[in-house]
Amino acid sequence: MARRERVMRMSVELPLWRALAGYRVLTMLYAVGLFATAYDRFSRPWLAVAYYVVLCGWTLATLPRVANEAACTRRFLAADLTLAVTGILLTPVADTPRRVLAGGPTLPSIWTAGAVLAFALKGGWRWAALASSAVAVTNLVERGRPARDTVHNVVLVWVASIAIGYVVEVARASERTLARALEIEAAGRERERLARDIHDGVLQVLAMVQRRGAVLGGEAAELGRMAGEQEIALRTLVSGGLVPVSRVSEDAAEGAVVRLVEEPDEAGAGDGGPLDLRTLLAPYAAPRVSLAEPGAPVPLPPHTARELAAAVGAALDNVRVHAGDGARAWILVEDEPESVIVTVRDDGPGVPEGRLAQAAGEGRLGVAQSIRGRLRDIGGTAELVSVPGQGTEVEMTVPKDRHDRHDRQQRARRADGARGKAERR
């Protein structure tokens, strides 16, 4: 199946990047203007002129770098902060000691705050704290002593940059939440539209084939039975809300980009993304097998989800083999905070006491290996309760913290194996 991708663009922080670009240009002009008004009071004005030539050229040439988060690289941030710090340290060399001690402005003046704000927009409040601390130390070195006005300016830049960095982090989290909500809403509307179309056509035809087959009997009855199974499977699919896990790009080159991807389960999940357990259990629904599941996705690591679904299939195979074709079965999926629980229950004759031990002794390890063995391998447990004449119940539990760790270990082993094969080649 070919991939189909719908892209929706939104961004709260993009206006902040544009404001930062404007701020850098305005503060560059402000710093040059301050120098021009006090040119004759500098001891080495030529040094200041050389610095302002570099500052103006750098500010104008790097405007595309502060257009968005992707363009604002770490190397640019380091160079930008270095230029600001260098200007502060050159101030005592270019200006007179009297003006420096009197609290005169540094060569970059308030342009320095733009370099710190770039850190805040790129990396949040932690990066902002690091950059503002570097500027604070440099200002104290430039003055030679912690004067009151210097401390005031340093604290102001420090607090403002950290606050802006925190706001940016909150904005990004809000964008991701909003994107997911919009994606679920769009998927729900599309699913409802498809459900209406299918109900008006395919489901009604399948139901009619099932009824007519039962009336005609013979081969037509078998055809009607198959049509009934397909009707239930299709109805489960269109009404179960099988929404794939969202993929929200954190690449803000053009703002937050939300991608809704429709693709096959195997290709869509891969080894890194979770699988919705409901998509793997939906095919088990049949006229005599009822599936009850949560309304929201039940994400599990791919290996864990497949093994758990295979264990459910093994339990249903036991129902068909030992309880007969006329037995009914129920699958219940529970997504608890600490674990995922899947229960398979039937109304068959039950398992006689000692039968499981006898089957293991005879070499038939369906329950021991296909169910309990699979659950043990993924860090879970399987409990079987059976009362003669009252059916059998198999409860399979997978703790969430353990299956996450197990899946990481599985991926690490696969990566080690791939590296080993590359080295042997």
Foldseek 3Di string as FASTA:
>chain_A
DDKDKDKDFDFDCQVVLVVLLVVLQVLLVVLVVVCVVCVVQWPASVVLVVLSVVSVVVSVVCSVCSNKQVSVDPVNLVVLLVSVLVQLQCQCVGGPLVCLLVPHATNSRCSNLSSLLSLLLRPALVSSQVSLVVVLVSNCVSSVHPDPVSVVVSVVSSVVSNVSSNVNVVRLVVVVVVLVVVLLVVLVVVLVVVLVVCVVPVLVVLQVQLVVLVVVDDPSNVVNQVSQFVSQLVNCVSPLSQADDWDWDPPCPVHTMTMRMDDDQPVVQDQPHWHFLCVLQSNVDGPQEEEAEDSDGQTAGPLLSVLQSQLVVLVVVCCCVPQHPPKHKYWYWDRDPFKIKIKIWIQGQWDDPPNQVVCVVVVNCSCVCSHQVSLVLQPKGWDWDTDGRGTIMIMIIHTRVSNVVSSVVVVVVVVVVVVVVVVVD
